[in-house]
């Protein structure tokens, strides 16, 4: 859904969000939940190599850290 997103090693709330998701977010109540799909930037990583696996794990850790921070700010669940 997000298309191309920031390819830096950290994730921020400035990364791109699809227009359809942005539109949905304006329509829901504060307590309503909607499912989303998060696409990491490097979709062509060779996950069957040690280096690729390490890179994927690093990107996933960055995403998890970002999501935990947003949850602590009550910006996501």
N, C-alpha and C. Protein backbone atom coordinates (compact mmCIF):
# COMPACT_ATOMS: atom_id res chain seq x y z
N UNK A 1 0.81 -1.20 0.00
CA UNK A 1 0.00 0.00 0.00
C UNK A 1 0.85 1.26 0.00
N UNK A 2 2.00 1.21 0.61
CA UNK A 2 2.76 2.44 0.78
C UNK A 2 3.58 2.82 -0.44
N UNK A 3 3.80 1.92 -1.36
CA UNK A 3 4.63 2.25 -2.50
C UNK A 3 6.07 2.41 -2.07
N UNK A 4 6.81 3.28 -2.74
CA UNK A 4 8.20 3.52 -2.34
C UNK A 4 8.20 4.26 -1.02
N UNK A 5 9.00 3.76 -0.08
CA UNK A 5 9.13 4.46 1.19
C UNK A 5 10.59 4.79 1.42
N UNK A 6 10.84 5.52 2.44
CA UNK A 6 12.19 5.94 2.79
C UNK A 6 13.10 4.72 2.87
N UNK A 7 14.25 4.78 2.19
CA UNK A 7 15.16 3.63 2.18
C UNK A 7 16.28 3.78 3.20
N UNK A 8 16.17 4.74 4.09
CA UNK A 8 17.19 4.89 5.13
C UNK A 8 17.08 3.74 6.12
N UNK A 9 18.07 3.62 6.99
CA UNK A 9 18.08 2.49 7.92
C UNK A 9 17.14 2.70 9.10
N UNK A 10 16.51 3.86 9.20
CA UNK A 10 15.54 4.09 10.26
C UNK A 10 14.20 4.44 9.64
N UNK A 11 13.18 4.26 10.41
CA UNK A 11 11.82 4.51 9.95
C UNK A 11 11.28 5.70 10.71
N UNK A 12 10.58 6.56 10.02
CA UNK A 12 9.99 7.72 10.69
C UNK A 12 8.54 7.87 10.26
N UNK A 13 7.82 8.71 10.98
CA UNK A 13 6.42 8.94 10.64
C UNK A 13 6.31 9.77 9.37
N UNK A 14 7.42 10.27 8.83
CA UNK A 14 7.41 11.03 7.59
C UNK A 14 7.42 10.13 6.37
N UNK A 15 7.56 8.81 6.57
CA UNK A 15 7.56 7.89 5.45
C UNK A 15 6.18 7.92 4.79
N UNK A 16 6.13 7.49 3.55
CA UNK A 16 4.90 7.60 2.76
C UNK A 16 3.82 6.65 3.24
N UNK A 17 2.61 7.17 3.21
CA UNK A 17 1.41 6.39 3.51
C UNK A 17 0.51 6.53 2.30
N UNK A 18 -0.08 5.44 1.86
CA UNK A 18 -0.94 5.49 0.68
C UNK A 18 -2.09 6.46 0.88
N UNK A 19 -2.55 7.03 -0.22
CA UNK A 19 -3.67 7.97 -0.13
C UNK A 19 -4.94 7.28 0.34
N UNK A 20 -5.11 6.00 -0.01
CA UNK A 20 -6.31 5.30 0.44
C UNK A 20 -6.30 5.11 1.96
N UNK A 21 -5.13 4.85 2.54
CA UNK A 21 -5.03 4.72 4.00
C UNK A 21 -5.24 6.08 4.66
N UNK A 22 -4.63 7.10 4.12
CA UNK A 22 -4.81 8.45 4.67
C UNK A 22 -6.28 8.83 4.68
N UNK A 23 -6.97 8.50 3.60
CA UNK A 23 -8.41 8.78 3.51
C UNK A 23 -9.18 8.00 4.57
N UNK A 24 -8.86 6.73 4.75
CA UNK A 24 -9.54 5.91 5.75
C UNK A 24 -9.30 6.44 7.16
N UNK A 25 -8.08 6.91 7.42
CA UNK A 25 -7.76 7.42 8.76
C UNK A 25 -8.60 8.64 9.13
N UNK A 26 -9.03 9.41 8.15
CA UNK A 26 -9.86 10.58 8.44
C UNK A 26 -11.30 10.19 8.76
N UNK A 27 -11.69 8.97 8.39
CA UNK A 27 -13.07 8.54 8.55
C UNK A 27 -13.34 7.73 9.82
N UNK A 28 -12.29 7.26 10.48
CA UNK A 28 -12.51 6.35 11.61
C UNK A 28 -12.48 7.11 12.93
N UNK A 29 -13.10 6.49 13.93
CA UNK A 29 -13.07 7.08 15.26
C UNK A 29 -11.73 6.78 15.92
N UNK A 30 -11.45 7.46 17.00
CA UNK A 30 -10.17 7.31 17.70
C UNK A 30 -9.90 5.88 18.15
N UNK A 31 -10.94 5.16 18.53
CA UNK A 31 -10.76 3.81 19.05
C UNK A 31 -10.94 2.71 18.01
N UNK A 32 -11.31 3.09 16.80
CA UNK A 32 -11.52 2.10 15.74
C UNK A 32 -10.18 1.60 15.21
N UNK A 33 -10.15 0.34 14.83
CA UNK A 33 -8.93 -0.25 14.29
C UNK A 33 -9.15 -0.64 12.84
N UNK A 34 -8.12 -0.44 12.02
CA UNK A 34 -8.18 -0.90 10.64
C UNK A 34 -6.89 -1.66 10.35
N UNK A 35 -6.99 -2.73 9.57
CA UNK A 35 -5.78 -3.49 9.23
C UNK A 35 -4.95 -2.75 8.18
N UNK A 36 -3.66 -2.88 8.27
CA UNK A 36 -2.75 -2.29 7.28
C UNK A 36 -1.68 -3.30 6.90
N UNK A 37 -1.09 -3.09 5.75
CA UNK A 37 0.04 -3.89 5.31
C UNK A 37 1.23 -2.96 5.23
N UNK A 38 2.31 -3.34 5.90
CA UNK A 38 3.53 -2.53 5.90
C UNK A 38 4.53 -3.19 4.96
N UNK A 39 5.00 -2.43 3.99
CA UNK A 39 5.97 -2.94 3.03
C UNK A 39 7.32 -2.31 3.32
N UNK A 40 8.32 -3.15 3.55
CA UNK A 40 9.67 -2.64 3.79
C UNK A 40 10.31 -2.27 2.47
N UNK A 41 11.26 -1.33 2.49
CA UNK A 41 11.79 -0.76 1.25
C UNK A 41 12.53 -1.72 0.32
N UNK A 42 13.32 -2.61 0.84
CA UNK A 42 14.15 -3.46 -0.02
C UNK A 42 13.49 -4.82 -0.22
N UNK A 43 12.60 -4.90 -1.18
CA UNK A 43 11.87 -6.14 -1.43
C UNK A 43 12.67 -7.16 -2.24
N UNK A 44 13.83 -6.75 -2.75
CA UNK A 44 14.63 -7.66 -3.58
C UNK A 44 15.84 -8.20 -2.85
N UNK A 45 15.80 -8.23 -1.53
CA UNK A 45 16.90 -8.77 -0.75
C UNK A 45 16.90 -10.29 -0.89
N UNK A 46 18.10 -10.85 -1.09
CA UNK A 46 18.23 -12.30 -1.18
C UNK A 46 18.13 -12.89 0.22
N UNK A 47 16.92 -13.27 0.63
CA UNK A 47 16.69 -13.74 1.99
C UNK A 47 17.31 -15.10 2.26
N UNK A 48 17.78 -15.79 1.23
CA UNK A 48 18.38 -17.11 1.43
C UNK A 48 19.89 -17.04 1.63
N UNK A 49 20.42 -15.84 1.87
CA UNK A 49 21.84 -15.68 2.18
C UNK A 49 21.98 -15.11 3.59
N UNK A 50 23.12 -15.32 4.20
CA UNK A 50 23.35 -14.80 5.56
C UNK A 50 23.27 -13.28 5.58
N UNK A 51 23.88 -12.63 4.58
CA UNK A 51 23.85 -11.17 4.51
C UNK A 51 22.43 -10.66 4.31
N UNK A 52 21.68 -11.31 3.44
CA UNK A 52 20.29 -10.90 3.20
C UNK A 52 19.43 -11.08 4.43
N UNK A 53 19.59 -12.20 5.09
CA UNK A 53 18.83 -12.46 6.31
C UNK A 53 19.15 -11.42 7.38
N UNK A 54 20.41 -11.07 7.51
CA UNK A 54 20.83 -10.06 8.47
C UNK A 54 20.22 -8.70 8.14
N UNK A 55 20.20 -8.34 6.86
CA UNK A 55 19.64 -7.06 6.45
C UNK A 55 18.12 -7.03 6.71
N UNK A 56 17.44 -8.10 6.39
CA UNK A 56 16.01 -8.17 6.64
C UNK A 56 15.71 -8.05 8.13
N UNK A 57 16.48 -8.77 8.95
CA UNK A 57 16.26 -8.71 10.40
C UNK A 57 16.50 -7.30 10.92
N UNK A 58 17.50 -6.60 10.39
CA UNK A 58 17.78 -5.23 10.80
C UNK A 58 16.62 -4.31 10.44
N UNK A 59 16.10 -4.43 9.23
CA UNK A 59 14.97 -3.59 8.81
C UNK A 59 13.73 -3.89 9.65
N UNK A 60 13.51 -5.15 9.96
CA UNK A 60 12.36 -5.51 10.79
C UNK A 60 12.50 -4.94 12.20
N UNK A 61 13.71 -4.98 12.76
CA UNK A 61 13.93 -4.41 14.10
C UNK A 61 13.65 -2.91 14.09
N UNK A 62 14.10 -2.21 13.03
CA UNK A 62 13.81 -0.77 12.93
C UNK A 62 12.31 -0.52 12.90
N UNK A 63 11.59 -1.34 12.15
CA UNK A 63 10.14 -1.19 12.06
C UNK A 63 9.49 -1.45 13.41
N UNK A 64 9.90 -2.50 14.09
CA UNK A 64 9.34 -2.82 15.40
C UNK A 64 9.60 -1.70 16.40
N UNK A 65 10.80 -1.14 16.38
CA UNK A 65 11.13 -0.02 17.26
C UNK A 65 10.23 1.17 16.97
N UNK A 66 10.05 1.49 15.69
CA UNK A 66 9.18 2.59 15.30
C UNK A 66 7.75 2.36 15.80
N UNK A 67 7.23 1.14 15.57
CA UNK A 67 5.86 0.85 15.98
C UNK A 67 5.69 0.91 17.50
N UNK A 68 6.68 0.44 18.24
CA UNK A 68 6.62 0.53 19.71
C UNK A 68 6.61 1.98 20.16
N UNK A 69 7.43 2.81 19.52
CA UNK A 69 7.45 4.24 19.86
C UNK A 69 6.10 4.90 19.58
N UNK A 70 5.50 4.57 18.43
CA UNK A 70 4.20 5.12 18.10
C UNK A 70 3.13 4.65 19.08
N UNK A 71 3.21 3.37 19.48
CA UNK A 71 2.26 2.86 20.45
C UNK A 71 2.41 3.58 21.78
N UNK A 72 3.64 3.84 22.20
CA UNK A 72 3.86 4.53 23.48
C UNK A 72 3.34 5.97 23.44
N UNK A 73 3.28 6.56 22.24
CA UNK A 73 2.73 7.91 22.07
C UNK A 73 1.24 7.86 21.79
N UNK A 74 0.65 6.64 21.90
CA UNK A 74 -0.77 6.42 21.63
C UNK A 74 -1.14 6.77 20.19
N UNK A 75 -0.18 6.54 19.25
CA UNK A 75 -0.42 6.80 17.84
C UNK A 75 -0.70 5.51 17.06
N UNK A 76 -0.68 4.40 17.74
CA UNK A 76 -0.94 3.13 17.07
C UNK A 76 -1.08 2.02 18.09
N UNK A 77 -1.57 0.90 17.62
CA UNK A 77 -1.75 -0.22 18.53
C UNK A 77 -1.39 -1.50 17.80
